[in-house]
Amino acid sequence: EYLFIDVPEGSYTLRASGYPPVTANV
């Protein structure tokens, strides 16, 4: 769960992202 408080009235865009890719040599 996430929470934004005291948000003014209007239209918004939500963007969710996980961790960025990680590169490793094996």
PDB file of all heavy atoms in Angstrom:
ATOM      1  N   GLU A   1       0.836  -1.210   0.000  1.00  0.00           N
ATOM      2  CA  GLU A   1       0.000   0.000   0.000  1.00  0.00           C
ATOM      3  C   GLU A   1       0.866   1.254   0.000  1.00  0.00           C
ATOM      4  O   GLU A   1       1.940   1.292   0.590  1.00  0.00           O
ATOM      5  CB  GLU A   1      -0.921   0.000   1.222  1.00  0.00           C
ATOM      6  CG  GLU A   1      -1.929  -1.157   1.220  1.00  0.00           C
ATOM      7  CD  GLU A   1      -2.813  -1.135   2.449  1.00  0.00           C
ATOM      8  OE1 GLU A   1      -2.527  -0.301   3.362  1.00  0.00           O
ATOM      9  OE2 GLU A   1      -3.781  -1.913   2.518  1.00  0.00           O
ATOM     10  N   TYR A   2       0.341   2.303  -0.647  1.00  0.00           N
ATOM     11  CA  TYR A   2       1.007   3.612  -0.691  1.00  0.00           C
ATOM     12  C   TYR A   2       0.000   4.679  -0.282  1.00  0.00           C
ATOM     13  O   TYR A   2      -1.227   4.455  -0.315  1.00  0.00           O
ATOM     14  CB  TYR A   2       1.562   3.901  -2.087  1.00  0.00           C
ATOM     15  CG  TYR A   2       0.495   4.053  -3.143  1.00  0.00           C
ATOM     16  CD1 TYR A   2      -0.061   5.303  -3.415  1.00  0.00           C
ATOM     17  CD2 TYR A   2       0.040   2.947  -3.867  1.00  0.00           C
ATOM     18  CE1 TYR A   2      -1.048   5.445  -4.376  1.00  0.00           C
ATOM     19  CE2 TYR A   2      -0.946   3.085  -4.823  1.00  0.00           C
ATOM     20  CZ  TYR A   2      -1.484   4.341  -5.070  1.00  0.00           C
ATOM     21  OH  TYR A   2      -2.472   4.481  -6.010  1.00  0.00           O
ATOM     22  N   LEU A   3       0.479   5.896   0.040  1.00  0.00           N
ATOM     23  CA  LEU A   3      -0.390   6.981   0.516  1.00  0.00           C
ATOM     24  C   LEU A   3       0.226   8.326   0.167  1.00  0.00           C
ATOM     25  O   LEU A   3       1.399   8.578   0.422  1.00  0.00           O
ATOM     26  CB  LEU A   3      -0.599   6.895   2.035  1.00  0.00           C
ATOM     27  CG  LEU A   3      -1.385   8.045   2.686  1.00  0.00           C
ATOM     28  CD1 LEU A   3      -2.823   8.046   2.182  1.00  0.00           C
ATOM     29  CD2 LEU A   3      -1.325   7.938   4.202  1.00  0.00           C
ATOM     30  N   PHE A   4      -0.617   9.207  -0.444  1.00  0.00           N
ATOM     31  CA  PHE A   4      -0.277  10.610  -0.678  1.00  0.00           C
ATOM     32  C   PHE A   4      -1.286  11.463   0.093  1.00  0.00           C
ATOM     33  O   PHE A   4      -2.508  11.307  -0.107  1.00  0.00           O
ATOM     34  CB  PHE A   4      -0.340  10.957  -2.170  1.00  0.00           C
ATOM     35  CG  PHE A   4       0.715  10.285  -2.999  1.00  0.00           C
ATOM     36  CD1 PHE A   4       0.412   9.127  -3.710  1.00  0.00           C
ATOM     37  CD2 PHE A   4       1.995  10.809  -3.078  1.00  0.00           C
ATOM     38  CE1 PHE A   4       1.384   8.511  -4.479  1.00  0.00           C
ATOM     39  CE2 PHE A   4       2.969  10.195  -3.855  1.00  0.00           C
ATOM     40  CZ  PHE A   4       2.676   9.033  -4.549  1.00  0.00           C
ATOM     41  N   ILE A   5      -0.793  12.380   0.963  1.00  0.00           N
ATOM     42  CA  ILE A   5      -1.693  13.226   1.757  1.00  0.00           C
ATOM     43  C   ILE A   5      -1.614  14.664   1.256  1.00  0.00           C
ATOM     44  O   ILE A   5      -0.640  15.076   0.615  1.00  0.00           O
ATOM     45  CB  ILE A   5      -1.341  13.159   3.260  1.00  0.00           C
ATOM     46  CG1 ILE A   5       0.074  13.662   3.506  1.00  0.00           C
ATOM     47  CG2 ILE A   5      -1.503  11.739   3.795  1.00  0.00           C
ATOM     48  CD1 ILE A   5       0.458  13.750   4.959  1.00  0.00           C
ATOM     49  N   ASP A   6      -2.670  15.432   1.596  1.00  0.00           N
ATOM     50  CA  ASP A   6      -2.759  16.848   1.225  1.00  0.00           C
ATOM     51  C   ASP A   6      -2.553  17.048  -0.277  1.00  0.00           C
ATOM     52  O   ASP A   6      -1.740  17.869  -0.733  1.00  0.00           O
ATOM     53  CB  ASP A   6      -1.743  17.690   2.012  1.00  0.00           C
ATOM     54  CG  ASP A   6      -2.047  17.707   3.504  1.00  0.00           C
ATOM     55  OD1 ASP A   6      -3.228  17.514   3.868  1.00  0.00           O
ATOM     56  OD2 ASP A   6      -1.106  17.895   4.295  1.00  0.00           O
ATOM     57  N   VAL A   7      -3.304  16.302  -1.031  1.00  0.00           N
ATOM     58  CA  VAL A   7      -3.203  16.404  -2.484  1.00  0.00           C
ATOM     59  C   VAL A   7      -4.190  17.454  -2.971  1.00  0.00           C
ATOM     60  O   VAL A   7      -5.391  17.348  -2.702  1.00  0.00           O
ATOM     61  CB  VAL A   7      -3.493  15.047  -3.141  1.00  0.00           C
ATOM     62  CG1 VAL A   7      -3.406  15.169  -4.660  1.00  0.00           C
ATOM     63  CG2 VAL A   7      -2.535  13.988  -2.627  1.00  0.00           C
ATOM     64  N   PRO A   8      -3.734  18.490  -3.653  1.00  0.00           N
ATOM     65  CA  PRO A   8      -4.670  19.480  -4.188  1.00  0.00           C
ATOM     66  C   PRO A   8      -5.608  18.857  -5.219  1.00  0.00           C
ATOM     67  O   PRO A   8      -5.301  17.841  -5.853  1.00  0.00           O
ATOM     68  CB  PRO A   8      -3.752  20.529  -4.834  1.00  0.00           C
ATOM     69  CG  PRO A   8      -2.409  20.319  -4.207  1.00  0.00           C
ATOM     70  CD  PRO A   8      -2.329  18.855  -3.921  1.00  0.00           C
ATOM     71  N   GLU A   9      -6.734  19.507  -5.397  1.00  0.00           N
ATOM     72  CA  GLU A   9      -7.716  18.999  -6.354  1.00  0.00           C
ATOM     73  C   GLU A   9      -7.171  19.135  -7.768  1.00  0.00           C
ATOM     74  O   GLU A   9      -6.567  20.133  -8.126  1.00  0.00           O
ATOM     75  CB  GLU A   9      -9.017  19.790  -6.190  1.00  0.00           C
ATOM     76  CG  GLU A   9     -10.142  19.299  -7.086  1.00  0.00           C
ATOM     77  CD  GLU A   9     -11.423  20.069  -6.854  1.00  0.00           C
ATOM     78  OE1 GLU A   9     -11.445  20.926  -5.935  1.00  0.00           O
ATOM     79  OE2 GLU A   9     -12.389  19.841  -7.590  1.00  0.00           O
ATOM     80  N   GLY A  10      -7.383  18.109  -8.568  1.00  0.00           N
ATOM     81  CA  GLY A  10      -6.911  18.148  -9.947  1.00  0.00           C
ATOM     82  C   GLY A  10      -6.737  16.751 -10.520  1.00  0.00           C
ATOM     83  O   GLY A  10      -7.113  15.748  -9.892  1.00  0.00           O
ATOM     84  N   SER A  11      -6.177  16.678 -11.721  1.00  0.00           N
ATOM     85  CA  SER A  11      -5.923  15.407 -12.418  1.00  0.00           C
ATOM     86  C   SER A  11      -4.442  15.071 -12.319  1.00  0.00           C
ATOM     87  O   SER A  11      -3.575  15.943 -12.466  1.00  0.00           O
ATOM     88  CB  SER A  11      -6.339  15.513 -13.885  1.00  0.00           C
ATOM     89  OG  SER A  11      -7.710  15.810 -14.007  1.00  0.00           O
ATOM     90  N   TYR A  12      -4.158  13.790 -12.091  1.00  0.00           N
ATOM     91  CA  TYR A  12      -2.782  13.358 -11.855  1.00  0.00           C
ATOM     92  C   TYR A  12      -2.501  12.060 -12.609  1.00  0.00           C
ATOM     93  O   TYR A  12      -3.419  11.364 -13.083  1.00  0.00           O
ATOM     94  CB  TYR A  12      -2.553  13.149 -10.354  1.00  0.00           C
ATOM     95  CG  TYR A  12      -2.736  14.401  -9.525  1.00  0.00           C
ATOM     96  CD1 TYR A  12      -3.981  14.715  -8.977  1.00  0.00           C
ATOM     97  CD2 TYR A  12      -1.686  15.272  -9.322  1.00  0.00           C
ATOM     98  CE1 TYR A  12      -4.166  15.855  -8.231  1.00  0.00           C
ATOM     99  CE2 TYR A  12      -1.851  16.418  -8.570  1.00  0.00           C
ATOM    100  CZ  TYR A  12      -3.098  16.714  -8.021  1.00  0.00           C
ATOM    101  OH  TYR A  12      -3.277  17.836  -7.296  1.00  0.00           O
ATOM    102  N   THR A  13      -1.206  11.712 -12.700  1.00  0.00           N
ATOM    103  CA  THR A  13      -0.740  10.461 -13.293  1.00  0.00           C
ATOM    104  C   THR A  13       0.070   9.704 -12.258  1.00  0.00           C
ATOM    105  O   THR A  13       0.963  10.292 -11.615  1.00  0.00           O
ATOM    106  CB  THR A  13       0.131  10.730 -14.525  1.00  0.00           C
ATOM    107  OG1 THR A  13      -0.623  11.447 -15.498  1.00  0.00           O
ATOM    108  CG2 THR A  13       0.637   9.428 -15.115  1.00  0.00           C
ATOM    109  N   LEU A  14      -0.247   8.422 -12.091  1.00  0.00           N
ATOM    110  CA  LEU A  14       0.485   7.579 -11.161  1.00  0.00           C
ATOM    111  C   LEU A  14       1.447   6.678 -11.961  1.00  0.00           C
ATOM    112  O   LEU A  14       1.052   6.071 -12.967  1.00  0.00           O
ATOM    113  CB  LEU A  14      -0.468   6.700 -10.345  1.00  0.00           C
ATOM    114  CG  LEU A  14      -1.201   7.382  -9.174  1.00  0.00           C
ATOM    115  CD1 LEU A  14      -2.231   6.437  -8.582  1.00  0.00           C
ATOM    116  CD2 LEU A  14      -0.213   7.819  -8.119  1.00  0.00           C
ATOM    117  N   ARG A  15       2.683   6.592 -11.512  1.00  0.00           N
ATOM    118  CA  ARG A  15       3.678   5.736 -12.162  1.00  0.00           C
ATOM    119  C   ARG A  15       4.302   4.839 -11.088  1.00  0.00           C
ATOM    120  O   ARG A  15       4.899   5.353 -10.134  1.00  0.00           O
ATOM    121  CB  ARG A  15       4.751   6.576 -12.836  1.00  0.00           C
ATOM    122  CG  ARG A  15       5.845   5.740 -13.494  1.00  0.00           C
ATOM    123  CD  ARG A  15       6.951   6.642 -14.019  1.00  0.00           C
ATOM    124  NE  ARG A  15       6.424   7.532 -15.054  1.00  0.00           N
ATOM    125  CZ  ARG A  15       7.085   8.585 -15.523  1.00  0.00           C
ATOM    126  NH1 ARG A  15       8.288   8.879 -15.005  1.00  0.00           N
ATOM    127  NH2 ARG A  15       6.578   9.339 -16.476  1.00  0.00           N
ATOM    128  N   ALA A  16       4.164   3.523 -11.289  1.00  0.00           N
ATOM    129  CA  ALA A  16       4.735   2.559 -10.358  1.00  0.00           C
ATOM    130  C   ALA A  16       5.880   1.827 -11.028  1.00  0.00           C
ATOM    131  O   ALA A  16       5.800   1.442 -12.197  1.00  0.00           O
ATOM    132  CB  ALA A  16       3.674   1.569  -9.892  1.00  0.00           C
ATOM    133  N   SER A  17       6.945   1.616 -10.300  1.00  0.00           N
ATOM    134  CA  SER A  17       8.117   0.937 -10.860  1.00  0.00           C
ATOM    135  C   SER A  17       8.764   0.077  -9.772  1.00  0.00           C
ATOM    136  O   SER A  17       8.758   0.443  -8.594  1.00  0.00           O
ATOM    137  CB  SER A  17       9.129   1.948 -11.407  1.00  0.00           C
ATOM    138  OG  SER A  17       9.589   2.810 -10.384  1.00  0.00           O
ATOM    139  N   GLY A  18       9.320  -1.042 -10.267  1.00  0.00           N
ATOM    140  CA  GLY A  18      10.076  -1.887  -9.364  1.00  0.00           C
ATOM    141  C   GLY A  18      11.537  -1.506  -9.397  1.00  0.00           C
ATOM    142  O   GLY A  18      11.913  -0.396  -9.801  1.00  0.00           O
ATOM    143  N   TYR A  19      12.379  -2.454  -9.025  1.00  0.00           N
ATOM    144  CA  TYR A  19      13.801  -2.147  -9.020  1.00  0.00           C
ATOM    145  C   TYR A  19      14.334  -2.111 -10.444  1.00  0.00           C
ATOM    146  O   TYR A  19      13.907  -2.882 -11.310  1.00  0.00           O
ATOM    147  CB  TYR A  19      14.551  -3.198  -8.208  1.00  0.00           C
ATOM    148  CG  TYR A  19      14.103  -3.257  -6.756  1.00  0.00           C
ATOM    149  CD1 TYR A  19      13.496  -4.405  -6.256  1.00  0.00           C
ATOM    150  CD2 TYR A  19      14.300  -2.179  -5.903  1.00  0.00           C
ATOM    151  CE1 TYR A  19      13.096  -4.477  -4.940  1.00  0.00           C
ATOM    152  CE2 TYR A  19      13.893  -2.251  -4.591  1.00  0.00           C
ATOM    153  CZ  TYR A  19      13.290  -3.387  -4.102  1.00  0.00           C
ATOM    154  OH  TYR A  19      12.888  -3.447  -2.804  1.00  0.00           O
ATOM    155  N   PRO A  20      15.260  -1.291 -10.711  1.00  0.00           N
ATOM    156  CA  PRO A  20      15.866  -1.290 -12.059  1.00  0.00           C
ATOM    157  C   PRO A  20      16.707  -2.556 -12.269  1.00  0.00           C
ATOM    158  O   PRO A  20      17.102  -3.229 -11.318  1.00  0.00           O
ATOM    159  CB  PRO A  20      16.739  -0.035 -12.038  1.00  0.00           C
ATOM    160  CG  PRO A  20      17.033   0.210 -10.592  1.00  0.00           C
ATOM    161  CD  PRO A  20      15.836  -0.259  -9.834  1.00  0.00           C
ATOM    162  N   PRO A  21      16.976  -2.911 -13.550  1.00  0.00           N
ATOM    163  CA  PRO A  21      17.747  -4.131 -13.824  1.00  0.00           C
ATOM    164  C   PRO A  21      19.146  -4.069 -13.240  1.00  0.00           C
ATOM    165  O   PRO A  21      19.739  -3.004 -13.112  1.00  0.00           O
ATOM    166  CB  PRO A  21      17.792  -4.203 -15.333  1.00  0.00           C
ATOM    167  CG  PRO A  21      16.796  -3.217 -15.823  1.00  0.00           C
ATOM    168  CD  PRO A  21      16.569  -2.226 -14.746  1.00  0.00           C
ATOM    169  N   VAL A  22      19.628  -5.237 -12.866  1.00  0.00           N
ATOM    170  CA  VAL A  22      20.971  -5.355 -12.312  1.00  0.00           C
ATOM    171  C   VAL A  22      21.765  -6.313 -13.188  1.00  0.00           C
ATOM    172  O   VAL A  22      21.277  -7.391 -13.564  1.00  0.00           O
ATOM    173  CB  VAL A  22      20.928  -5.855 -10.862  1.00  0.00           C
ATOM    174  CG1 VAL A  22      22.353  -6.108 -10.342  1.00  0.00           C
ATOM    175  CG2 VAL A  22      20.201  -4.858  -9.972  1.00  0.00           C
ATOM    176  N   THR A  23      22.990  -5.987 -13.553  1.00  0.00           N
ATOM    177  CA  THR A  23      23.833  -6.813 -14.411  1.00  0.00           C
ATOM    178  C   THR A  23      24.988  -7.387 -13.595  1.00  0.00           C
ATOM    179  O   THR A  23      25.627  -6.646 -12.823  1.00  0.00           O
ATOM    180  CB  THR A  23      24.390  -6.002 -15.580  1.00  0.00           C
ATOM    181  OG1 THR A  23      23.303  -5.429 -16.316  1.00  0.00           O
ATOM    182  CG2 THR A  23      25.234  -6.870 -16.478  1.00  0.00           C
ATOM    183  N   ALA A  24      25.258  -8.690 -13.773  1.00  0.00           N
ATOM    184  CA  ALA A  24      26.374  -9.334 -13.079  1.00  0.00           C
ATOM    185  C   ALA A  24      27.023 -10.353 -14.010  1.00  0.00           C
ATOM    186  O   ALA A  24      26.337 -11.065 -14.762  1.00  0.00           O
ATOM    187  CB  ALA A  24      25.882 -10.006 -11.814  1.00  0.00           C
ATOM    188  N   ASN A  25      28.337 -10.481 -14.037  1.00  0.00           N
ATOM    189  CA  ASN A  25      29.078 -11.454 -14.839  1.00  0.00           C
ATOM    190  C   ASN A  25      29.366 -12.689 -13.990  1.00  0.00           C
ATOM    191  O   ASN A  25      29.907 -12.596 -12.888  1.00  0.00           O
ATOM    192  CB  ASN A  25      30.387 -10.855 -15.336  1.00  0.00           C
ATOM    193  CG  ASN A  25      30.162  -9.666 -16.273  1.00  0.00           C
ATOM    194  OD1 ASN A  25      29.230  -9.684 -17.069  1.00  0.00           O
ATOM    195  ND2 ASN A  25      31.020  -8.662 -16.180  1.00  0.00           N
ATOM    196  N   VAL A  26      29.032 -13.878 -14.534  1.00  0.00           N
ATOM    197  CA  VAL A  26      29.202 -15.138 -13.807  1.00  0.00           C
ATOM    198  C   VAL A  26      29.889 -16.148 -14.725  1.00  0.00           C
ATOM    199  O   VAL A  26      29.515 -16.310 -15.890  1.00  0.00           O
ATOM    200  CB  VAL A  26      27.841 -15.694 -13.327  1.00  0.00           C
ATOM    201  CG1 VAL A  26      28.048 -17.002 -12.580  1.00  0.00           C
ATOM    202  CG2 VAL A  26      27.120 -14.669 -12.475  1.00  0.00           C
TER     203      VAL A  26
END
